[in-house]
Full PDB file with SEQRES, HELIX, SHEET, SSBOND, CRYST1, ORIGX, SCALE, CONECT and MASTER records, all heavy atoms in Angstrom:
SEQRES   1 A   28  HIS ASP VAL ILE ALA ALA THR VAL LEU TYR LYS HIS GLU          
SEQRES   2 A   28  LYS ALA LYS ASN TRP LYS GLU VAL ARG MET ASN PRO LEU          
SEQRES   3 A   28  ASP ASN                                                      
SHEET    1 AA1 2 THR A   7  TYR A  10  0                                        
SHEET    2 AA1 2 LYS A  19  ARG A  22 -1                                        
CRYST1    1.000    1.000    1.000  90.00  90.00  90.00 P 1           1          
ORIGX1      1.000000  0.000000  0.000000        0.00000                         
ORIGX2      0.000000  1.000000  0.000000        0.00000                         
ORIGX3      0.000000  0.000000  1.000000        0.00000                         
SCALE1      1.000000  0.000000  0.000000        0.00000                         
SCALE2      0.000000  1.000000  0.000000        0.00000                         
SCALE3      0.000000  0.000000  1.000000        0.00000                         
ATOM      1  N   HIS A   1     -13.648  -2.520  16.146  1.00  0.00           N  
ATOM      2  CA  HIS A   1     -12.395  -2.135  16.725  1.00  0.00           C  
ATOM      3  C   HIS A   1     -11.247  -2.958  16.241  1.00  0.00           C  
ATOM      4  O   HIS A   1     -10.225  -2.936  16.835  1.00  0.00           O  
ATOM      5  CB  HIS A   1     -12.546  -2.095  18.183  1.00  0.00           C  
ATOM      6  CG  HIS A   1     -13.617  -1.277  18.738  1.00  0.00           C  
ATOM      7  ND1 HIS A   1     -13.465   0.015  18.753  1.00  0.00           N  
ATOM      8  CD2 HIS A   1     -14.821  -1.593  19.223  1.00  0.00           C  
ATOM      9  CE1 HIS A   1     -14.608   0.592  19.298  1.00  0.00           C  
ATOM     10  NE2 HIS A   1     -15.447  -0.387  19.607  1.00  0.00           N  
ATOM     11  N   ASP A   2     -11.424  -3.757  15.164  1.00  0.00           N  
ATOM     12  CA  ASP A   2     -10.441  -4.580  14.677  1.00  0.00           C  
ATOM     13  C   ASP A   2      -9.165  -3.778  14.119  1.00  0.00           C  
ATOM     14  O   ASP A   2      -9.405  -2.639  13.642  1.00  0.00           O  
ATOM     15  CB  ASP A   2     -10.891  -5.569  13.581  1.00  0.00           C  
ATOM     16  CG  ASP A   2     -11.800  -6.657  14.123  1.00  0.00           C  
ATOM     17  OD1 ASP A   2     -11.706  -6.929  15.333  1.00  0.00           O  
ATOM     18  OD2 ASP A   2     -12.557  -7.236  13.290  1.00  0.00           O  
ATOM     19  N   VAL A   3      -7.993  -4.420  14.239  1.00  0.00           N  
ATOM     20  CA  VAL A   3      -6.865  -3.762  13.632  1.00  0.00           C  
ATOM     21  C   VAL A   3      -6.896  -3.876  12.102  1.00  0.00           C  
ATOM     22  O   VAL A   3      -7.150  -4.979  11.561  1.00  0.00           O  
ATOM     23  CB  VAL A   3      -5.550  -4.429  14.151  1.00  0.00           C  
ATOM     24  CG1 VAL A   3      -4.295  -3.890  13.468  1.00  0.00           C  
ATOM     25  CG2 VAL A   3      -5.444  -4.310  15.667  1.00  0.00           C  
ATOM     26  N   ILE A   4      -6.732  -2.841  11.465  1.00  0.00           N  
ATOM     27  CA  ILE A   4      -6.721  -2.768   9.982  1.00  0.00           C  
ATOM     28  C   ILE A   4      -5.302  -2.353   9.445  1.00  0.00           C  
ATOM     29  O   ILE A   4      -4.512  -1.844  10.214  1.00  0.00           O  
ATOM     30  CB  ILE A   4      -7.722  -1.962   9.378  1.00  0.00           C  
ATOM     31  CG1 ILE A   4      -7.492  -0.452   9.734  1.00  0.00           C  
ATOM     32  CG2 ILE A   4      -9.136  -2.375   9.773  1.00  0.00           C  
ATOM     33  CD1 ILE A   4      -8.481   0.553   9.116  1.00  0.00           C  
ATOM     34  N   ALA A   5      -5.020  -2.646   8.184  1.00  0.00           N  
ATOM     35  CA  ALA A   5      -3.721  -2.270   7.641  1.00  0.00           C  
ATOM     36  C   ALA A   5      -4.048  -1.877   6.213  1.00  0.00           C  
ATOM     37  O   ALA A   5      -5.074  -2.155   5.557  1.00  0.00           O  
ATOM     38  CB  ALA A   5      -2.789  -3.499   7.641  1.00  0.00           C  
ATOM     39  N   ALA A   6      -3.146  -1.037   5.693  1.00  0.00           N  
ATOM     40  CA  ALA A   6      -3.261  -0.562   4.263  1.00  0.00           C  
ATOM     41  C   ALA A   6      -1.875  -0.493   3.709  1.00  0.00           C  
ATOM     42  O   ALA A   6      -0.957  -0.257   4.309  1.00  0.00           O  
ATOM     43  CB  ALA A   6      -3.967   0.814   4.282  1.00  0.00           C  
ATOM     44  N   THR A   7      -1.903  -0.513   2.360  1.00  0.00           N  
ATOM     45  CA  THR A   7      -0.677  -0.481   1.636  1.00  0.00           C  
ATOM     46  C   THR A   7      -0.962   0.200   0.257  1.00  0.00           C  
ATOM     47  O   THR A   7      -2.153   0.351  -0.217  1.00  0.00           O  
ATOM     48  CB  THR A   7      -0.193  -1.907   1.335  1.00  0.00           C  
ATOM     49  OG1 THR A   7       1.195  -1.892   0.836  1.00  0.00           O  
ATOM     50  CG2 THR A   7      -0.962  -2.693   0.431  1.00  0.00           C  
ATOM     51  N   VAL A   8       0.119   0.775  -0.305  1.00  0.00           N  
ATOM     52  CA  VAL A   8       0.063   1.255  -1.678  1.00  0.00           C  
ATOM     53  C   VAL A   8       0.792   0.342  -2.615  1.00  0.00           C  
ATOM     54  O   VAL A   8       1.916   0.018  -2.377  1.00  0.00           O  
ATOM     55  CB  VAL A   8       0.589   2.707  -1.748  1.00  0.00           C  
ATOM     56  CG1 VAL A   8       0.725   3.155  -3.166  1.00  0.00           C  
ATOM     57  CG2 VAL A   8      -0.340   3.722  -1.027  1.00  0.00           C  
ATOM     58  N   LEU A   9       0.148  -0.085  -3.635  1.00  0.00           N  
ATOM     59  CA  LEU A   9       0.691  -0.825  -4.724  1.00  0.00           C  
ATOM     60  C   LEU A   9       0.988   0.071  -5.864  1.00  0.00           C  
ATOM     61  O   LEU A   9       0.146   0.854  -6.224  1.00  0.00           O  
ATOM     62  CB  LEU A   9      -0.202  -2.052  -5.190  1.00  0.00           C  
ATOM     63  CG  LEU A   9      -0.629  -3.010  -4.077  1.00  0.00           C  
ATOM     64  CD1 LEU A   9      -1.500  -4.050  -4.685  1.00  0.00           C  
ATOM     65  CD2 LEU A   9       0.613  -3.702  -3.480  1.00  0.00           C  
ATOM     66  N   TYR A  10       2.120  -0.094  -6.535  1.00  0.00           N  
ATOM     67  CA  TYR A  10       2.454   0.737  -7.635  1.00  0.00           C  
ATOM     68  C   TYR A  10       3.392  -0.021  -8.512  1.00  0.00           C  
ATOM     69  O   TYR A  10       4.109  -0.945  -8.144  1.00  0.00           O  
ATOM     70  CB  TYR A  10       3.216   2.032  -7.124  1.00  0.00           C  
ATOM     71  CG  TYR A  10       4.539   1.801  -6.525  1.00  0.00           C  
ATOM     72  CD1 TYR A  10       5.728   2.077  -7.296  1.00  0.00           C  
ATOM     73  CD2 TYR A  10       4.750   1.484  -5.210  1.00  0.00           C  
ATOM     74  CE1 TYR A  10       6.954   1.851  -6.782  1.00  0.00           C  
ATOM     75  CE2 TYR A  10       6.031   1.314  -4.630  1.00  0.00           C  
ATOM     76  CZ  TYR A  10       7.063   1.443  -5.423  1.00  0.00           C  
ATOM     77  OH  TYR A  10       8.342   1.302  -4.887  1.00  0.00           O  
ATOM     78  N   LYS A  11       3.389   0.363  -9.832  1.00  0.00           N  
ATOM     79  CA  LYS A  11       4.199  -0.273 -10.800  1.00  0.00           C  
ATOM     80  C   LYS A  11       4.368   0.570 -12.016  1.00  0.00           C  
ATOM     81  O   LYS A  11       3.430   1.340 -12.400  1.00  0.00           O  
ATOM     82  CB  LYS A  11       3.702  -1.599 -11.186  1.00  0.00           C  
ATOM     83  CG  LYS A  11       2.440  -1.727 -11.962  1.00  0.00           C  
ATOM     84  CD  LYS A  11       2.120  -3.143 -12.439  1.00  0.00           C  
ATOM     85  CE  LYS A  11       0.835  -3.134 -13.211  1.00  0.00           C  
ATOM     86  NZ  LYS A  11       0.514  -4.568 -13.764  1.00  0.00           N  
ATOM     87  N   HIS A  12       5.511   0.452 -12.772  1.00  0.00           N  
ATOM     88  CA  HIS A  12       5.711   1.132 -13.993  1.00  0.00           C  
ATOM     89  C   HIS A  12       4.870   0.420 -15.089  1.00  0.00           C  
ATOM     90  O   HIS A  12       4.654  -0.822 -14.923  1.00  0.00           O  
ATOM     91  CB  HIS A  12       7.243   1.112 -14.332  1.00  0.00           C  
ATOM     92  CG  HIS A  12       7.638   1.952 -15.546  1.00  0.00           C  
ATOM     93  ND1 HIS A  12       7.582   1.442 -16.844  1.00  0.00           N  
ATOM     94  CD2 HIS A  12       7.858   3.259 -15.666  1.00  0.00           C  
ATOM     95  CE1 HIS A  12       7.969   2.362 -17.659  1.00  0.00           C  
ATOM     96  NE2 HIS A  12       8.152   3.462 -17.009  1.00  0.00           N  
ATOM     97  N   GLU A  13       4.549   1.167 -16.046  1.00  0.00           N  
ATOM     98  CA  GLU A  13       3.706   0.613 -17.160  1.00  0.00           C  
ATOM     99  C   GLU A  13       4.293  -0.628 -17.830  1.00  0.00           C  
ATOM    100  O   GLU A  13       3.598  -1.420 -18.385  1.00  0.00           O  
ATOM    101  CB  GLU A  13       3.348   1.690 -18.164  1.00  0.00           C  
ATOM    102  CG  GLU A  13       4.634   2.244 -18.885  1.00  0.00           C  
ATOM    103  CD  GLU A  13       4.276   3.363 -19.819  1.00  0.00           C  
ATOM    104  OE1 GLU A  13       3.112   3.399 -20.366  1.00  0.00           O  
ATOM    105  OE2 GLU A  13       5.065   4.325 -20.018  1.00  0.00           O  
ATOM    106  N   LYS A  14       5.672  -0.779 -17.842  1.00  0.00           N  
ATOM    107  CA  LYS A  14       6.304  -1.849 -18.440  1.00  0.00           C  
ATOM    108  C   LYS A  14       6.684  -2.984 -17.465  1.00  0.00           C  
ATOM    109  O   LYS A  14       7.192  -4.053 -17.882  1.00  0.00           O  
ATOM    110  CB  LYS A  14       7.557  -1.341 -19.170  1.00  0.00           C  
ATOM    111  CG  LYS A  14       7.297  -0.418 -20.370  1.00  0.00           C  
ATOM    112  CD  LYS A  14       8.556  -0.043 -21.069  1.00  0.00           C  
ATOM    113  CE  LYS A  14       8.184   0.859 -22.226  1.00  0.00           C  
ATOM    114  NZ  LYS A  14       9.470   1.324 -23.034  1.00  0.00           N  
ATOM    115  N   ALA A  15       6.277  -2.766 -16.224  1.00  0.00           N  
ATOM    116  CA  ALA A  15       6.689  -3.825 -15.189  1.00  0.00           C  
ATOM    117  C   ALA A  15       5.530  -4.831 -15.077  1.00  0.00           C  
ATOM    118  O   ALA A  15       4.351  -4.508 -15.362  1.00  0.00           O  
ATOM    119  CB  ALA A  15       6.829  -3.146 -13.827  1.00  0.00           C  
ATOM    120  N   LYS A  16       5.832  -6.050 -14.789  1.00  0.00           N  
ATOM    121  CA  LYS A  16       4.867  -7.180 -14.685  1.00  0.00           C  
ATOM    122  C   LYS A  16       4.278  -7.183 -13.260  1.00  0.00           C  
ATOM    123  O   LYS A  16       3.067  -7.496 -13.081  1.00  0.00           O  
ATOM    124  CB  LYS A  16       5.514  -8.527 -14.992  1.00  0.00           C  
ATOM    125  CG  LYS A  16       5.944  -8.715 -16.440  1.00  0.00           C  
ATOM    126  CD  LYS A  16       6.479 -10.005 -16.726  1.00  0.00           C  
ATOM    127  CE  LYS A  16       6.867 -10.178 -18.177  1.00  0.00           C  
ATOM    128  NZ  LYS A  16       7.494 -11.589 -18.484  1.00  0.00           N  
ATOM    129  N   ASN A  17       5.073  -6.890 -12.235  1.00  0.00           N  
ATOM    130  CA  ASN A  17       4.629  -7.017 -10.899  1.00  0.00           C  
ATOM    131  C   ASN A  17       4.554  -5.817 -10.112  1.00  0.00           C  
ATOM    132  O   ASN A  17       5.265  -4.821 -10.465  1.00  0.00           O  
ATOM    133  CB  ASN A  17       5.638  -7.974 -10.104  1.00  0.00           C  
ATOM    134  CG  ASN A  17       5.727  -9.339 -10.733  1.00  0.00           C  
ATOM    135  OD1 ASN A  17       4.772  -9.972 -11.129  1.00  0.00           O  
ATOM    136  ND2 ASN A  17       6.942  -9.806 -10.831  1.00  0.00           N  
ATOM    137  N   TRP A  18       3.653  -5.683  -9.190  1.00  0.00           N  
ATOM    138  CA  TRP A  18       3.449  -4.537  -8.377  1.00  0.00           C  
ATOM    139  C   TRP A  18       4.532  -4.463  -7.330  1.00  0.00           C  
ATOM    140  O   TRP A  18       4.974  -5.527  -6.746  1.00  0.00           O  
ATOM    141  CB  TRP A  18       2.052  -4.612  -7.683  1.00  0.00           C  
ATOM    142  CG  TRP A  18       0.955  -4.435  -8.563  1.00  0.00           C  
ATOM    143  CD1 TRP A  18       0.231  -5.375  -9.207  1.00  0.00           C  
ATOM    144  CD2 TRP A  18       0.190  -3.221  -8.993  1.00  0.00           C  
ATOM    145  NE1 TRP A  18      -0.799  -4.889 -10.023  1.00  0.00           N  
ATOM    146  CE2 TRP A  18      -0.842  -3.568  -9.885  1.00  0.00           C  
ATOM    147  CE3 TRP A  18       0.440  -1.855  -8.651  1.00  0.00           C  
ATOM    148  CZ2 TRP A  18      -1.695  -2.527 -10.383  1.00  0.00           C  
ATOM    149  CZ3 TRP A  18      -0.411  -0.911  -9.213  1.00  0.00           C  
ATOM    150  CH2 TRP A  18      -1.404  -1.262 -10.074  1.00  0.00           C  
ATOM    151  N   LYS A  19       4.939  -3.254  -6.961  1.00  0.00           N  
ATOM    152  CA  LYS A  19       5.753  -3.091  -5.796  1.00  0.00           C  
ATOM    153  C   LYS A  19       4.768  -2.521  -4.730  1.00  0.00           C  
ATOM    154  O   LYS A  19       3.696  -2.117  -4.961  1.00  0.00           O  
ATOM    155  CB  LYS A  19       6.821  -2.040  -6.034  1.00  0.00           C  
ATOM    156  CG  LYS A  19       7.873  -2.534  -7.022  1.00  0.00           C  
ATOM    157  CD  LYS A  19       9.066  -1.473  -7.131  1.00  0.00           C  
ATOM    158  CE  LYS A  19      10.172  -2.020  -8.058  1.00  0.00           C  
ATOM    159  NZ  LYS A  19      11.233  -1.020  -8.183  1.00  0.00           N  
ATOM    160  N   GLU A  20       5.239  -2.757  -3.387  1.00  0.00           N  
ATOM    161  CA  GLU A  20       4.344  -2.424  -2.331  1.00  0.00           C  
ATOM    162  C   GLU A  20       4.971  -1.685  -1.266  1.00  0.00           C  
ATOM    163  O   GLU A  20       6.172  -1.897  -0.889  1.00  0.00           O  
ATOM    164  CB  GLU A  20       3.741  -3.819  -1.754  1.00  0.00           C  
ATOM    165  CG  GLU A  20       2.677  -3.671  -0.693  1.00  0.00           C  
ATOM    166  CD  GLU A  20       2.143  -5.037  -0.265  1.00  0.00           C  
ATOM    167  OE1 GLU A  20       2.661  -6.046  -0.673  1.00  0.00           O  
ATOM    168  OE2 GLU A  20       1.210  -5.039   0.486  1.00  0.00           O  
ATOM    169  N   VAL A  21       4.249  -0.775  -0.681  1.00  0.00           N  
ATOM    170  CA  VAL A  21       4.825   0.086   0.459  1.00  0.00           C  
ATOM    171  C   VAL A  21       3.786   0.280   1.470  1.00  0.00           C  
ATOM    172  O   VAL A  21       2.628   0.597   1.141  1.00  0.00           O  
ATOM    173  CB  VAL A  21       5.425   1.408   0.007  1.00  0.00           C  
ATOM    174  CG1 VAL A  21       4.416   2.231  -0.731  1.00  0.00           C  
ATOM    175  CG2 VAL A  21       6.090   2.150   1.113  1.00  0.00           C  
ATOM    176  N   ARG A  22       4.044  -0.098   2.704  1.00  0.00           N  
ATOM    177  CA  ARG A  22       2.994  -0.080   3.780  1.00  0.00           C  
ATOM    178  C   ARG A  22       2.607   1.388   4.112  1.00  0.00           C  
ATOM    179  O   ARG A  22       3.455   2.315   4.149  1.00  0.00           O  
ATOM    180  CB  ARG A  22       3.558  -0.669   4.967  1.00  0.00           C  
ATOM    181  CG  ARG A  22       2.535  -1.195   6.073  1.00  0.00           C  
ATOM    182  CD  ARG A  22       2.011  -2.519   5.750  1.00  0.00           C  
ATOM    183  NE  ARG A  22       1.197  -2.991   6.850  1.00  0.00           N  
ATOM    184  CZ  ARG A  22       1.024  -4.336   7.064  1.00  0.00           C  
ATOM    185  NH1 ARG A  22       1.484  -5.205   6.321  1.00  0.00           N  
ATOM    186  NH2 ARG A  22       0.207  -4.670   8.106  1.00  0.00           N  
ATOM    187  N   MET A  23       1.355   1.648   4.351  1.00  0.00           N  
ATOM    188  CA  MET A  23       0.846   2.863   4.772  1.00  0.00           C  
ATOM    189  C   MET A  23       0.896   3.008   6.290  1.00  0.00           C  
ATOM    190  O   MET A  23       0.821   2.031   6.986  1.00  0.00           O  
ATOM    191  CB  MET A  23      -0.634   3.132   4.226  1.00  0.00           C  
ATOM    192  CG  MET A  23      -0.741   3.115   2.749  1.00  0.00           C  
ATOM    193  SD  MET A  23      -2.398   3.619   2.174  1.00  0.00           S  
ATOM    194  CE  MET A  23      -2.127   5.399   2.230  1.00  0.00           C  
ATOM    195  N   ASN A  24       1.059   4.269   6.702  1.00  0.00           N  
ATOM    196  CA  ASN A  24       1.045   4.570   8.202  1.00  0.00           C  
ATOM    197  C   ASN A  24      -0.157   5.223   8.647  1.00  0.00           C  
ATOM    198  O   ASN A  24      -0.574   6.249   7.939  1.00  0.00           O  
ATOM    199  CB  ASN A  24       2.352   5.466   8.482  1.00  0.00           C  
ATOM    200  CG  ASN A  24       3.591   4.691   8.126  1.00  0.00           C  
ATOM    201  OD1 ASN A  24       3.815   3.575   8.470  1.00  0.00           O  
ATOM    202  ND2 ASN A  24       4.451   5.299   7.219  1.00  0.00           N  
ATOM    203  N   PRO A  25      -0.709   4.901   9.696  1.00  0.00           N  
ATOM    204  CA  PRO A  25      -1.939   5.582  10.193  1.00  0.00           C  
ATOM    205  C   PRO A  25      -1.585   6.950  10.760  1.00  0.00           C  
ATOM    206  O   PRO A  25      -0.633   7.138  11.417  1.00  0.00           O  
ATOM    207  CB  PRO A  25      -2.500   4.676  11.365  1.00  0.00           C  
ATOM    208  CG  PRO A  25      -1.283   3.961  11.773  1.00  0.00           C  
ATOM    209  CD  PRO A  25      -0.335   3.800  10.591  1.00  0.00           C  
ATOM    210  N   LEU A  26      -2.467   7.936  10.438  1.00  0.00           N  
ATOM    211  CA  LEU A  26      -2.358   9.241  10.998  1.00  0.00           C  
ATOM    212  C   LEU A  26      -3.613   9.589  11.718  1.00  0.00           C  
ATOM    213  O   LEU A  26      -4.264   8.680  12.296  1.00  0.00           O  
ATOM    214  CB  LEU A  26      -2.232  10.313   9.764  1.00  0.00           C  
ATOM    215  CG  LEU A  26      -1.138  10.054   8.798  1.00  0.00           C  
ATOM    216  CD1 LEU A  26      -1.177  11.029   7.681  1.00  0.00           C  
ATOM    217  CD2 LEU A  26       0.244  10.180   9.458  1.00  0.00           C  
ATOM    218  N   ASP A  27      -4.043  10.734  11.926  1.00  0.00           N  
ATOM    219  CA  ASP A  27      -5.229  11.117  12.671  1.00  0.00           C  
ATOM    220  C   ASP A  27      -6.494  10.799  11.887  1.00  0.00           C  
ATOM    221  O   ASP A  27      -6.530  10.878  10.709  1.00  0.00           O  
ATOM    222  CB  ASP A  27      -5.165  12.606  13.099  1.00  0.00           C  
ATOM    223  CG  ASP A  27      -4.014  12.898  14.134  1.00  0.00           C  
ATOM    224  OD1 ASP A  27      -3.619  11.928  14.782  1.00  0.00           O  
ATOM    225  OD2 ASP A  27      -3.599  14.054  14.115  1.00  0.00           O  
ATOM    226  N   ASN A  28      -7.525  10.493  12.697  1.00  0.00           N  
ATOM    227  CA  ASN A  28      -8.961  10.462  12.075  1.00  0.00           C  
ATOM    228  C   ASN A  28      -9.032   9.474  10.894  1.00  0.00           C  
ATOM    229  O   ASN A  28      -9.591   9.823   9.908  1.00  0.00           O  
ATOM    230  CB  ASN A  28      -9.366  11.853  11.699  1.00  0.00           C  
ATOM    231  CG  ASN A  28     -10.922  11.908  11.474  1.00  0.00           C  
ATOM    232  OD1 ASN A  28     -11.593  11.153  11.971  1.00  0.00           O  
ATOM    233  ND2 ASN A  28     -11.279  12.879  10.715  1.00  0.00           N  
TER     234      ASN A  28                                                      
MASTER        0    0    0    0    2    0    0    6  233    1    0    3          
END                                                                             
């Protein structure tokens, strides 16, 4: 029953670093 978190990492092919956006929980 622990609290979990998730994120999406994304980057352009010429970028060095990933950008990040937090995911939101839905049903199930």
